[in-house]
Structures are given as C-alpha cells and as structure tokens.
N, C-alpha and C. Protein backbone atom coordinates (compact mmCIF):
# COMPACT_ATOMS: atom_id res chain seq x y z
N MET A 1 -45.47 2.69 -9.13
CA MET A 1 -44.42 2.17 -9.33
C MET A 1 -43.21 1.91 -9.71
N LYS A 2 -42.97 3.12 -11.36
CA LYS A 2 -41.56 2.73 -11.27
C LYS A 2 -41.12 3.51 -10.77
N ARG A 3 -41.08 4.02 -9.69
CA ARG A 3 -40.25 4.64 -8.67
C ARG A 3 -39.67 4.06 -7.31
N LEU A 4 -40.16 3.26 -7.61
CA LEU A 4 -40.80 1.53 -6.79
C LEU A 4 -39.06 0.98 -7.27
N ALA A 5 -39.63 0.73 -8.21
CA ALA A 5 -38.37 0.08 -8.91
C ALA A 5 -36.78 0.60 -9.53
N SER A 6 -36.80 1.93 -9.35
CA SER A 6 -35.66 2.42 -9.57
C SER A 6 -35.26 2.47 -7.95
N THR A 7 -35.80 2.78 -7.23
CA THR A 7 -35.34 3.26 -6.36
C THR A 7 -34.88 1.67 -5.37
N ARG A 8 -35.69 0.41 -5.81
CA ARG A 8 -34.74 -0.56 -5.65
C ARG A 8 -33.72 -1.05 -6.24
N ARG A 9 -33.67 -0.71 -7.15
CA ARG A 9 -32.56 -1.14 -7.91
C ARG A 9 -31.17 -0.02 -7.64
N PHE A 10 -31.78 1.32 -7.02
CA PHE A 10 -30.52 2.27 -6.15
C PHE A 10 -30.27 1.67 -5.02
N VAL A 11 -30.62 0.90 -4.34
CA VAL A 11 -30.48 0.31 -3.00
C VAL A 11 -29.64 -1.19 -3.04
N LEU A 12 -30.40 -1.78 -4.63
CA LEU A 12 -29.38 -3.16 -4.43
C LEU A 12 -27.84 -2.52 -4.58
N LEU A 13 -27.85 -1.96 -6.01
CA LEU A 13 -26.46 -1.47 -6.55
C LEU A 13 -25.78 -1.03 -5.54
N SER A 14 -26.56 0.19 -4.29
CA SER A 14 -26.04 0.55 -3.76
C SER A 14 -24.93 -0.11 -2.25
N ALA A 15 -26.01 -1.38 -2.13
CA ALA A 15 -25.66 -2.81 -1.31
C ALA A 15 -24.30 -3.57 -1.86
N MET A 16 -24.46 -3.69 -3.53
CA MET A 16 -23.47 -4.24 -3.71
C MET A 16 -22.03 -3.53 -3.42
N ALA A 17 -22.33 -2.25 -3.91
CA ALA A 17 -20.88 -1.38 -4.12
C ALA A 17 -20.46 -1.87 -2.30
N ALA A 18 -21.12 -1.47 -1.37
CA ALA A 18 -20.53 -1.37 0.09
C ALA A 18 -20.17 -3.05 0.07
N VAL A 19 -20.65 -4.13 -0.33
CA VAL A 19 -19.94 -4.96 -0.15
C VAL A 19 -18.51 -5.24 -0.74
N LEU A 20 -18.73 -5.01 -1.96
CA LEU A 20 -17.32 -4.72 -2.70
C LEU A 20 -16.22 -3.98 -2.08
N LEU A 21 -16.71 -2.44 -1.53
CA LEU A 21 -15.94 -1.55 -0.97
C LEU A 21 -15.34 -2.72 0.60
N ALA A 22 -16.69 -3.08 0.89
CA ALA A 22 -15.65 -2.69 2.46
C ALA A 22 -14.87 -4.57 2.09
N GLY A 23 -14.85 -5.34 1.39
CA GLY A 23 -13.93 -6.49 1.02
C GLY A 23 -12.43 -5.79 0.72
N HIS A 24 -12.79 -4.74 -0.02
CA HIS A 24 -11.58 -4.30 -0.58
C HIS A 24 -10.81 -3.64 0.87
N ALA A 25 -11.44 -2.90 1.76
CA ALA A 25 -11.02 -2.56 2.69
C ALA A 25 -10.84 -3.40 3.92
N ARG A 26 -11.50 -4.46 4.03
CA ARG A 26 -10.53 -5.47 4.57
C ARG A 26 -9.39 -6.14 4.76
N ALA A 27 -9.13 -6.33 3.50
CA ALA A 27 -7.40 -6.61 3.04
C ALA A 27 -7.11 -6.05 3.07
N ASP A 28 -6.72 -4.34 2.89
CA ASP A 28 -5.78 -3.23 3.32
C ASP A 28 -6.37 -3.13 5.04
N ASP A 29 -7.07 -3.81 5.62
CA ASP A 29 -6.86 -3.56 6.82
C ASP A 29 -6.09 -4.94 7.80
N ASN A 30 -6.40 -5.54 7.11
CA ASN A 30 -5.51 -7.40 7.26
C ASN A 30 -4.32 -6.68 6.89
N ASP A 31 -3.75 -6.79 5.44
CA ASP A 31 -2.28 -6.15 5.79
C ASP A 31 -1.55 -4.86 6.61
N GLN A 32 -2.50 -3.73 6.95
CA GLN A 32 -2.03 -3.35 7.86
C GLN A 32 -1.89 -3.58 9.75
N GLU A 33 -2.79 -4.35 9.62
CA GLU A 33 -2.85 -5.34 11.07
C GLU A 33 -1.60 -5.80 11.12
N ILE A 34 -1.50 -6.64 10.05
CA ILE A 34 -0.05 -7.87 10.28
C ILE A 34 0.79 -7.31 10.17
N ALA A 35 1.31 -5.65 9.66
CA ALA A 35 2.86 -5.05 9.60
C ALA A 35 2.67 -4.57 11.01
N ARG A 36 1.14 -4.04 11.51
CA ARG A 36 1.39 -3.57 13.32
C ARG A 36 2.13 -4.45 14.00
N ARG A 37 1.45 -5.66 13.70
CA ARG A 37 2.05 -6.64 14.71
C ARG A 37 3.23 -7.23 14.61
N ALA A 38 3.77 -6.77 13.43
CA ALA A 38 5.21 -7.54 12.90
C ALA A 38 6.36 -6.73 13.63
N LEU A 39 5.66 -5.15 13.17
CA LEU A 39 6.72 -4.03 13.82
C LEU A 39 6.77 -4.08 15.57
N LEU A 40 5.45 -4.59 15.96
CA LEU A 40 5.68 -4.72 17.87
C LEU A 40 6.49 -5.80 18.26
N GLU A 41 6.90 -7.00 17.27
CA GLU A 41 7.46 -7.65 17.45
C GLU A 41 8.62 -7.90 17.25
N GLY A 42 8.99 -6.50 16.36
CA GLY A 42 10.52 -6.34 16.36
C GLY A 42 10.92 -7.53 15.36
N ARG A 43 9.73 -7.83 13.93
CA ARG A 43 10.17 -8.64 13.01
C ARG A 43 10.21 -7.62 11.62
N ILE A 44 9.89 -6.27 11.69
CA ILE A 44 9.72 -5.35 11.05
C ILE A 44 10.63 -4.37 11.70
N LYS A 45 11.33 -3.38 10.73
CA LYS A 45 11.81 -2.33 11.32
C LYS A 45 10.40 -0.60 10.90
N SER A 46 11.07 0.20 12.00
CA SER A 46 9.90 1.91 11.18
C SER A 46 9.88 1.90 10.11
N LEU A 47 9.14 2.82 9.62
CA LEU A 47 9.06 3.45 8.29
C LEU A 47 9.83 4.53 8.73
N SER A 48 10.52 5.60 9.94
CA SER A 48 11.41 6.29 9.65
C SER A 48 12.77 5.17 9.70
N GLU A 49 13.30 3.97 9.78
CA GLU A 49 13.96 3.66 10.34
C GLU A 49 14.56 3.45 8.73
N ILE A 50 13.39 2.71 8.19
CA ILE A 50 13.95 2.13 6.73
C ILE A 50 13.75 3.28 6.11
N THR A 51 13.24 4.61 6.24
CA THR A 51 13.37 5.70 5.27
C THR A 51 14.84 6.35 5.38
N LYS A 52 15.26 6.40 6.31
CA LYS A 52 16.64 6.86 6.84
C LYS A 52 17.77 5.88 5.78
N ALA A 53 17.38 4.66 5.91
CA ALA A 53 18.54 3.91 5.46
C ALA A 53 18.32 4.01 4.02
N VAL A 54 17.29 4.19 3.28
CA VAL A 54 17.40 4.07 2.20
C VAL A 54 17.19 5.67 1.28
N GLU A 55 17.07 6.38 2.12
CA GLU A 55 16.92 7.73 1.06
C GLU A 55 17.33 8.04 0.13
N PRO A 56 18.97 8.32 0.43
CA PRO A 56 20.21 8.21 0.10
C PRO A 56 20.24 7.58 -1.62
N LYS A 57 19.78 6.44 -1.31
CA LYS A 57 20.14 5.63 -2.52
C LYS A 57 18.89 5.27 -3.78
N LEU A 58 17.44 6.57 -3.36
CA LEU A 58 16.58 6.67 -4.22
C LEU A 58 16.71 7.65 -5.33
N PRO A 59 16.36 7.40 -6.30
CA PRO A 59 16.69 8.09 -7.39
C PRO A 59 16.01 9.41 -7.29
N GLY A 60 15.35 9.94 -6.26
CA GLY A 60 14.82 11.59 -5.86
C GLY A 60 14.06 11.53 -4.73
N LYS A 61 12.99 12.13 -4.71
CA LYS A 61 12.14 13.08 -3.56
C LYS A 61 11.12 11.41 -2.84
N ILE A 62 10.69 11.14 -2.11
CA ILE A 62 9.50 10.45 -2.23
C ILE A 62 8.23 10.98 -2.08
N LEU A 63 7.15 10.39 -2.56
CA LEU A 63 6.21 11.25 -2.92
C LEU A 63 5.00 10.62 -1.59
N SER A 64 4.89 9.42 -1.55
CA SER A 64 4.56 8.43 -0.56
C SER A 64 5.15 7.17 -0.31
N VAL A 65 4.13 6.26 0.52
CA VAL A 65 4.91 5.20 0.72
C VAL A 65 3.47 4.58 1.61
N GLU A 66 3.67 3.09 1.05
CA GLU A 66 2.63 2.61 1.46
C GLU A 66 3.46 0.83 2.00
N ILE A 67 2.67 0.37 2.80
CA ILE A 67 2.85 -0.92 3.25
C ILE A 67 2.27 -2.47 2.45
N ASP A 68 3.01 -3.20 2.60
CA ASP A 68 2.23 -4.27 2.09
C ASP A 68 2.49 -5.54 2.22
N VAL A 69 1.77 -6.67 2.53
CA VAL A 69 1.99 -7.89 2.91
C VAL A 69 1.78 -8.64 1.37
N GLU A 70 3.03 -9.22 1.24
CA GLU A 70 3.12 -10.29 -0.32
C GLU A 70 2.42 -11.45 0.27
N ASP A 71 2.54 -12.08 -1.38
CA ASP A 71 1.63 -13.73 -1.26
C ASP A 71 2.08 -14.51 0.10
N ASN A 72 3.54 -14.16 -0.37
CA ASN A 72 4.40 -15.00 0.28
C ASN A 72 4.58 -14.70 1.81
N GLY A 73 3.80 -13.54 2.17
CA GLY A 73 4.00 -13.44 3.69
C GLY A 73 5.21 -12.21 3.77
N GLN A 74 6.13 -11.62 3.36
CA GLN A 74 7.03 -10.38 3.17
C GLN A 74 6.05 -9.15 3.30
N ILE A 75 6.48 -9.03 4.06
CA ILE A 75 6.22 -7.51 4.63
C ILE A 75 7.13 -5.98 3.55
N VAL A 76 6.65 -5.50 2.67
CA VAL A 76 7.46 -4.80 2.29
C VAL A 76 6.79 -3.27 1.94
N TYR A 77 7.71 -2.18 2.16
CA TYR A 77 7.36 -0.90 2.10
C TYR A 77 7.39 -0.19 0.72
N GLU A 78 6.36 0.02 -0.20
CA GLU A 78 6.78 0.52 -1.54
C GLU A 78 6.52 1.93 -1.50
N PHE A 79 7.35 2.53 -2.10
CA PHE A 79 8.01 3.68 -1.89
C PHE A 79 7.55 4.43 -3.61
N ASP A 80 6.77 5.61 -3.75
CA ASP A 80 6.40 6.60 -5.22
C ASP A 80 7.53 7.41 -4.97
N VAL A 81 8.36 7.51 -6.08
CA VAL A 81 9.77 8.43 -6.03
C VAL A 81 9.75 9.18 -7.18
N ILE A 82 9.79 10.32 -7.30
CA ILE A 82 9.45 10.86 -8.43
C ILE A 82 11.19 12.00 -8.42
N ASP A 83 11.99 11.68 -9.82
CA ASP A 83 13.39 12.22 -9.88
C ASP A 83 13.78 13.72 -10.25
N PRO A 84 14.46 14.00 -10.54
CA PRO A 84 14.54 15.70 -10.36
C PRO A 84 14.15 15.78 -11.99
N ALA A 85 14.27 14.51 -13.03
CA ALA A 85 12.91 15.38 -14.42
C ALA A 85 11.77 14.37 -14.64
N GLY A 86 11.50 14.53 -13.38
CA GLY A 86 9.53 14.44 -13.01
C GLY A 86 9.37 12.87 -13.18
N ARG A 87 10.22 11.87 -13.42
CA ARG A 87 9.96 10.22 -14.14
C ARG A 87 9.92 9.74 -12.38
N LEU A 88 8.74 9.18 -12.65
CA LEU A 88 7.62 8.15 -11.88
C LEU A 88 9.06 6.59 -11.58
N TYR A 89 8.87 6.19 -10.19
CA TYR A 89 9.65 5.50 -9.90
C TYR A 89 8.70 4.71 -8.45
N GLU A 90 8.53 2.84 -8.57
CA GLU A 90 8.26 2.97 -7.24
C GLU A 90 9.40 1.70 -6.60
N VAL A 91 9.64 2.07 -5.89
CA VAL A 91 10.62 1.53 -4.95
C VAL A 91 10.12 0.26 -3.83
N GLU A 92 10.37 -0.77 -3.99
CA GLU A 92 10.27 -2.03 -2.97
C GLU A 92 10.96 -1.97 -1.99
N VAL A 93 10.85 -2.17 -0.83
CA VAL A 93 12.01 -2.29 0.37
C VAL A 93 11.58 -3.82 1.16
N ASP A 94 12.27 -4.25 1.72
CA ASP A 94 12.16 -5.25 2.25
C ASP A 94 12.10 -4.71 3.58
N ALA A 95 10.85 -4.65 4.01
CA ALA A 95 10.46 -3.75 5.47
C ALA A 95 11.66 -4.63 6.78
N ALA A 96 11.90 -5.91 6.79
CA ALA A 96 12.73 -6.60 7.75
C ALA A 96 14.11 -6.13 7.76
N THR A 97 14.52 -6.02 6.25
CA THR A 97 15.96 -5.83 6.40
C THR A 97 16.28 -4.23 5.82
N GLY A 98 15.52 -3.70 5.02
CA GLY A 98 15.94 -2.59 4.71
C GLY A 98 16.34 -2.41 3.40
N LYS A 99 16.80 -3.29 2.78
CA LYS A 99 17.37 -3.76 1.40
C LYS A 99 16.10 -3.47 0.28
N ILE A 100 17.11 -2.43 -0.66
CA ILE A 100 15.97 -2.89 -1.85
C ILE A 100 15.44 -3.35 -2.69
N LEU A 101 14.48 -3.86 -2.93
CA LEU A 101 14.12 -5.34 -3.82
C LEU A 101 14.28 -5.36 -4.90
N LYS A 102 13.52 -3.65 -5.25
CA LYS A 102 13.20 -3.17 -6.88
C LYS A 102 13.18 -2.22 -7.19
N ILE A 103 13.75 -1.25 -8.11
CA ILE A 103 13.51 0.15 -8.35
C ILE A 103 12.76 0.25 -9.93
N GLU A 104 11.72 0.32 -9.67
CA GLU A 104 10.88 0.25 -11.49
C GLU A 104 10.35 0.93 -11.92
N ASP A 105 10.40 2.08 -13.08
CA ASP A 105 10.11 3.13 -13.42
C ASP A 105 8.69 2.60 -13.91
N ASP A 106 8.24 3.55 -13.12
CA ASP A 106 6.72 3.97 -13.03
C ASP A 106 5.89 4.31 -14.34
N ASP A 107 6.53 5.08 -14.93
CA ASP A 107 6.04 6.32 -16.32
C ASP A 107 5.41 4.96 -17.19
C-alpha cells in the first residue's frame, strides 16, 4: 500500500512538471513562430544580417544569441558577449532595424 501511494505521488509530480515545462516551451515556441513569420514577411532582418551590422560595435566576442518577442511586440536579438577581460554583457538589438537598444553588464 505504501508503494502504491509513493508511485501515485511520483506520477502526479511528474505530470505537474510536464505541464509546467510544456507551458514554458509553448511560450518559447510562440516567440520563435512569431519571429519566423516576421522574417518571412520581411519585417525583421536575419541573424546573419544583424550580426554583420553590429559585431564591430560589440564590446567582445559573441557567445550566444536568442530571439525574443517583447511584451510590446518588438522583436529583439539578445546577444551574450564576453570582452577580452572576461566580463559578460547582454546586448539587445532591434531585429527590424539592427539598432543596438541596450548593452548591459551581465556580471
């Protein structure tokens, strides 16, 4: 009987975790779909175009890039950058214009 209760608890917790993770994945998937559609419609620039334009202005080497849809609908590329001294920065770039919106010290 104890084993059955333990198994039920495990199944319930696993199901709850799956629901929470699925909700998070859906939000990310939704951003990706919105960005994909905007790229196909020509409303934003490709990552390669943006990277060519902003790389000379960045304070270091690009480590990673994400695309994000802000609450106001603006689509931004978020670059994680490391400078020669090892400091981390987050750089937000408007996906439509290529304009650097913010360089934030991530340390």
